Amino acid sequence: MQEIQDTDHMPFGKYKGKLMQDVPASYLHWLWTNGKASETKTDPVAAYIGRNMQALQKEYPNGIWEE
């Protein structure tokens, strides 16, 4: 699978079609913590979240982000 970048489109869900950089960190946090971004953390959205964890934590500091 190809790596998702900020300028790629969200492939599913509430923000499908939005640029990844425009998807709210709170939504990405919800995907991450509810297992919607793969349990194995190997799907492209989960990999994107994992790579951008520090920036997402700054944008949404109220969330619990565990890798």
C-alpha atoms as a PDB file:
ATOM      1  CA  MET A   1       0.000   0.000   0.000  1.00  0.00           C
ATOM      2  CA  GLN A   2       1.102   3.494  -0.757  1.00  0.00           C
ATOM      3  CA  GLU A   3       1.854   5.850   2.103  1.00  0.00           C
ATOM      4  CA  ILE A   4      -0.790   8.536   2.721  1.00  0.00           C
ATOM      5  CA  GLN A   5       0.503  12.118   2.744  1.00  0.00           C
ATOM      6  CA  ASP A   6      -1.070  15.377   3.968  1.00  0.00           C
ATOM      7  CA  THR A   7      -2.229  16.197   0.440  1.00  0.00           C
ATOM      8  CA  ASP A   8      -3.948  12.842  -0.126  1.00  0.00           C
ATOM      9  CA  HIS A   9      -7.661  12.364   0.444  1.00  0.00           C
ATOM     10  CA  MET A  10      -9.162  10.612   3.445  1.00  0.00           C
ATOM     11  CA  PRO A  11     -10.278   7.249   2.018  1.00  0.00           C
ATOM     12  CA  PHE A  12     -13.297   6.582   4.280  1.00  0.00           C
ATOM     13  CA  GLY A  13     -15.570   7.815   7.037  1.00  0.00           C
ATOM     14  CA  LYS A  14     -17.073  11.133   7.980  1.00  0.00           C
ATOM     15  CA  TYR A  15     -14.301  13.114   6.271  1.00  0.00           C
ATOM     16  CA  LYS A  16     -13.977  10.932   3.172  1.00  0.00           C
ATOM     17  CA  GLY A  17     -12.580  12.990   0.299  1.00  0.00           C
ATOM     18  CA  LYS A  18     -11.107  15.726   2.521  1.00  0.00           C
ATOM     19  CA  LEU A  19      -7.360  16.312   2.404  1.00  0.00           C
ATOM     20  CA  MET A  20      -5.688  14.474   5.272  1.00  0.00           C
ATOM     21  CA  GLN A  21      -4.213  17.758   6.496  1.00  0.00           C
ATOM     22  CA  ASP A  22      -7.778  19.092   6.843  1.00  0.00           C
ATOM     23  CA  VAL A  23      -9.160  16.134   8.802  1.00  0.00           C
ATOM     24  CA  PRO A  24      -9.528  17.246  12.451  1.00  0.00           C
ATOM     25  CA  ALA A  25      -7.055  15.714  14.887  1.00  0.00           C
ATOM     26  CA  SER A  26      -9.980  14.900  17.164  1.00  0.00           C
ATOM     27  CA  TYR A  27     -11.456  12.662  14.437  1.00  0.00           C
ATOM     28  CA  LEU A  28      -8.119  10.959  13.771  1.00  0.00           C
ATOM     29  CA  HIS A  29      -7.825  10.439  17.530  1.00  0.00           C
ATOM     30  CA  TRP A  30     -11.263   8.822  17.559  1.00  0.00           C
ATOM     31  CA  LEU A  31     -10.251   6.490  14.732  1.00  0.00           C
ATOM     32  CA  TRP A  32      -7.016   5.609  16.527  1.00  0.00           C
ATOM     33  CA  THR A  33      -8.527   4.950  19.949  1.00  0.00           C
ATOM     34  CA  ASN A  34     -11.613   3.102  18.704  1.00  0.00           C
ATOM     35  CA  GLY A  35      -9.702   0.711  16.479  1.00  0.00           C
ATOM     36  CA  LYS A  36     -11.174   2.145  13.293  1.00  0.00           C
ATOM     37  CA  ALA A  37      -7.625   2.761  12.132  1.00  0.00           C
ATOM     38  CA  SER A  38      -6.634  -0.904  12.074  1.00  0.00           C
ATOM     39  CA  GLU A  39      -5.981  -2.874  15.212  1.00  0.00           C
ATOM     40  CA  THR A  40      -2.616  -3.830  13.750  1.00  0.00           C
ATOM     41  CA  LYS A  41      -1.753  -0.215  12.921  1.00  0.00           C
ATOM     42  CA  THR A  42      -0.702  -1.310   9.420  1.00  0.00           C
ATOM     43  CA  ASP A  43      -3.360   0.313   7.259  1.00  0.00           C
ATOM     44  CA  PRO A  44      -2.459   3.592   5.502  1.00  0.00           C
ATOM     45  CA  VAL A  45      -4.592   5.835   7.758  1.00  0.00           C
ATOM     46  CA  ALA A  46      -3.163   4.254  10.922  1.00  0.00           C
ATOM     47  CA  ALA A  47       0.349   4.623   9.519  1.00  0.00           C
ATOM     48  CA  TYR A  48      -0.393   8.301   8.761  1.00  0.00           C
ATOM     49  CA  ILE A  49      -1.627   8.839  12.323  1.00  0.00           C
ATOM     50  CA  GLY A  50       1.425   7.070  13.734  1.00  0.00           C
ATOM     51  CA  ARG A  51       3.850   9.165  11.662  1.00  0.00           C
ATOM     52  CA  ASN A  52       2.086  12.397  12.622  1.00  0.00           C
ATOM     53  CA  MET A  53       1.490  11.577  16.280  1.00  0.00           C
ATOM     54  CA  GLN A  54       3.451  14.524  17.709  1.00  0.00           C
ATOM     55  CA  ALA A  55       1.672  17.094  15.543  1.00  0.00           C
ATOM     56  CA  LEU A  56      -1.714  15.527  16.269  1.00  0.00           C
ATOM     57  CA  GLN A  57      -1.000  15.586  20.012  1.00  0.00           C
ATOM     58  CA  LYS A  58      -0.312  19.318  19.786  1.00  0.00           C
ATOM     59  CA  GLU A  59      -3.489  19.933  17.786  1.00  0.00           C
ATOM     60  CA  TYR A  60      -5.619  17.763  20.089  1.00  0.00           C
ATOM     61  CA  PRO A  61      -3.870  17.676  23.492  1.00  0.00           C
ATOM     62  CA  ASN A  62      -6.946  16.381  25.358  1.00  0.00           C
ATOM     63  CA  GLY A  63      -6.703  12.992  23.693  1.00  0.00           C
ATOM     64  CA  ILE A  64      -4.787   9.992  24.934  1.00  0.00           C
ATOM     65  CA  TRP A  65      -2.423   8.975  22.153  1.00  0.00           C
ATOM     66  CA  GLU A  66      -0.723   5.632  22.587  1.00  0.00           C
ATOM     67  CA  GLU A  67       1.387   3.954  19.955  1.00  0.00           C
END
